[in-house]
Amino acid sequence: MAKVIHPDREQNPQLREKKENLMKQLSNARDKMNIAEILYIKVLIDNIIPENNVSTSFSDDSLKRFVKIIKQKICSCSKHRCH
């Protein structure tokens, strides 16, 4: 996704600004391992740059990483509920 929204190659100033904002959001979401935010950003990208829908699909490795993070978050939530 980062390649698609990287603003450095964008010549349209309005689209460049949107891409800069999306890139910041994506970086923040990755840092926090916020899967929901990453998926939401993908939807935004698909709406802003519809011709790149295929390019912003997730690889199997990314999906496996997402599942692992989600499982960890579920375990963490379960432990907090028990105490």
Protein backbone atom coordinates (compact mmCIF):
# COMPACT_ATOMS: atom_id res chain seq x y z
CA MET A 1 0.00 0.00 0.00
CA ALA A 2 2.80 2.38 0.82
CA LYS A 3 4.09 2.22 -2.76
CA VAL A 4 0.68 3.20 -4.13
CA ILE A 5 0.21 6.17 -1.81
CA HIS A 6 3.80 7.39 -1.58
CA PRO A 7 3.47 11.12 -2.32
CA ASP A 8 6.95 11.77 -3.75
CA ARG A 9 6.03 10.72 -7.29
CA GLU A 10 2.61 12.36 -7.34
CA GLN A 11 2.42 15.40 -9.62
CA ASN A 12 -1.15 16.42 -8.80
CA PRO A 13 -0.86 18.72 -5.73
CA GLN A 14 -4.31 17.83 -4.36
CA LEU A 15 -3.72 14.10 -4.70
CA ARG A 16 -0.21 14.50 -3.27
CA GLU A 17 -1.67 16.08 -0.12
CA LYS A 18 -4.19 13.25 0.23
CA LYS A 19 -1.42 10.70 -0.23
CA GLU A 20 0.76 12.44 2.37
CA ASN A 21 -2.08 12.24 4.89
CA LEU A 22 -2.77 8.60 4.07
CA MET A 23 0.93 7.78 4.37
CA LYS A 24 1.05 9.35 7.84
CA GLN A 25 -2.07 7.44 8.88
CA LEU A 26 -0.64 4.20 7.51
CA SER A 27 2.66 4.68 9.34
CA ASN A 28 0.85 5.41 12.57
CA ALA A 29 -1.44 2.40 12.15
CA ARG A 30 1.53 0.13 11.43
CA ASP A 31 3.41 1.42 14.46
CA LYS A 32 0.40 0.64 16.65
CA MET A 33 -0.35 -2.64 14.81
CA ASN A 34 -3.89 -1.34 14.31
CA ILE A 35 -5.32 -3.78 11.77
CA ALA A 36 -8.72 -2.06 11.65
CA GLU A 37 -7.07 1.27 10.76
CA ILE A 38 -4.88 -0.36 8.09
CA LEU A 39 -7.95 -1.95 6.49
CA TYR A 40 -9.81 1.36 6.67
CA ILE A 41 -6.89 3.11 4.96
CA LYS A 42 -7.01 0.48 2.20
CA VAL A 43 -10.67 1.35 1.60
CA LEU A 44 -9.76 5.05 1.45
CA ILE A 45 -6.99 4.32 -1.04
CA ASP A 46 -9.33 2.27 -3.21
CA ASN A 47 -11.79 5.17 -3.24
CA ILE A 48 -9.18 7.85 -3.98
CA ILE A 49 -7.24 5.82 -6.54
CA PRO A 50 -9.79 3.30 -7.92
CA GLU A 51 -7.52 2.11 -10.75
CA ASN A 52 -5.10 0.72 -8.14
CA ASN A 53 -7.55 -1.60 -6.33
CA VAL A 54 -5.57 -4.68 -7.32
CA SER A 55 -2.27 -3.07 -6.33
CA THR A 56 -3.44 -2.49 -2.77
CA SER A 57 -4.47 -6.07 -2.11
CA PHE A 58 -2.71 -7.84 0.75
CA SER A 59 -0.14 -10.57 0.29
CA ASP A 60 -0.50 -13.90 2.05
CA ASP A 61 2.34 -12.91 4.40
CA SER A 62 0.53 -9.70 5.35
CA LEU A 63 -2.69 -11.56 6.01
CA LYS A 64 -0.86 -14.13 8.16
CA ARG A 65 0.73 -11.27 10.12
CA PHE A 66 -2.71 -9.66 10.57
CA VAL A 67 -4.18 -12.92 11.87
CA LYS A 68 -1.28 -13.33 14.31
CA ILE A 69 -1.74 -9.77 15.63
CA ILE A 70 -5.50 -10.24 15.96
CA LYS A 71 -4.99 -13.48 17.88
CA GLN A 72 -2.53 -11.74 20.22
CA LYS A 73 -5.02 -8.93 20.82
CA ILE A 74 -7.80 -11.43 21.55
CA CYS A 75 -5.59 -13.23 24.07
CA SER A 76 -4.65 -9.93 25.67
CA CYS A 77 -8.30 -8.90 25.95
CA SER A 78 -9.24 -12.27 27.40
CA LYS A 79 -6.55 -12.02 30.07
CA HIS A 80 -7.70 -8.53 31.09
CA ARG A 81 -11.29 -9.70 31.42
CA CYS A 82 -10.31 -12.51 33.75
CA HIS A 83 -8.66 -10.20 36.28
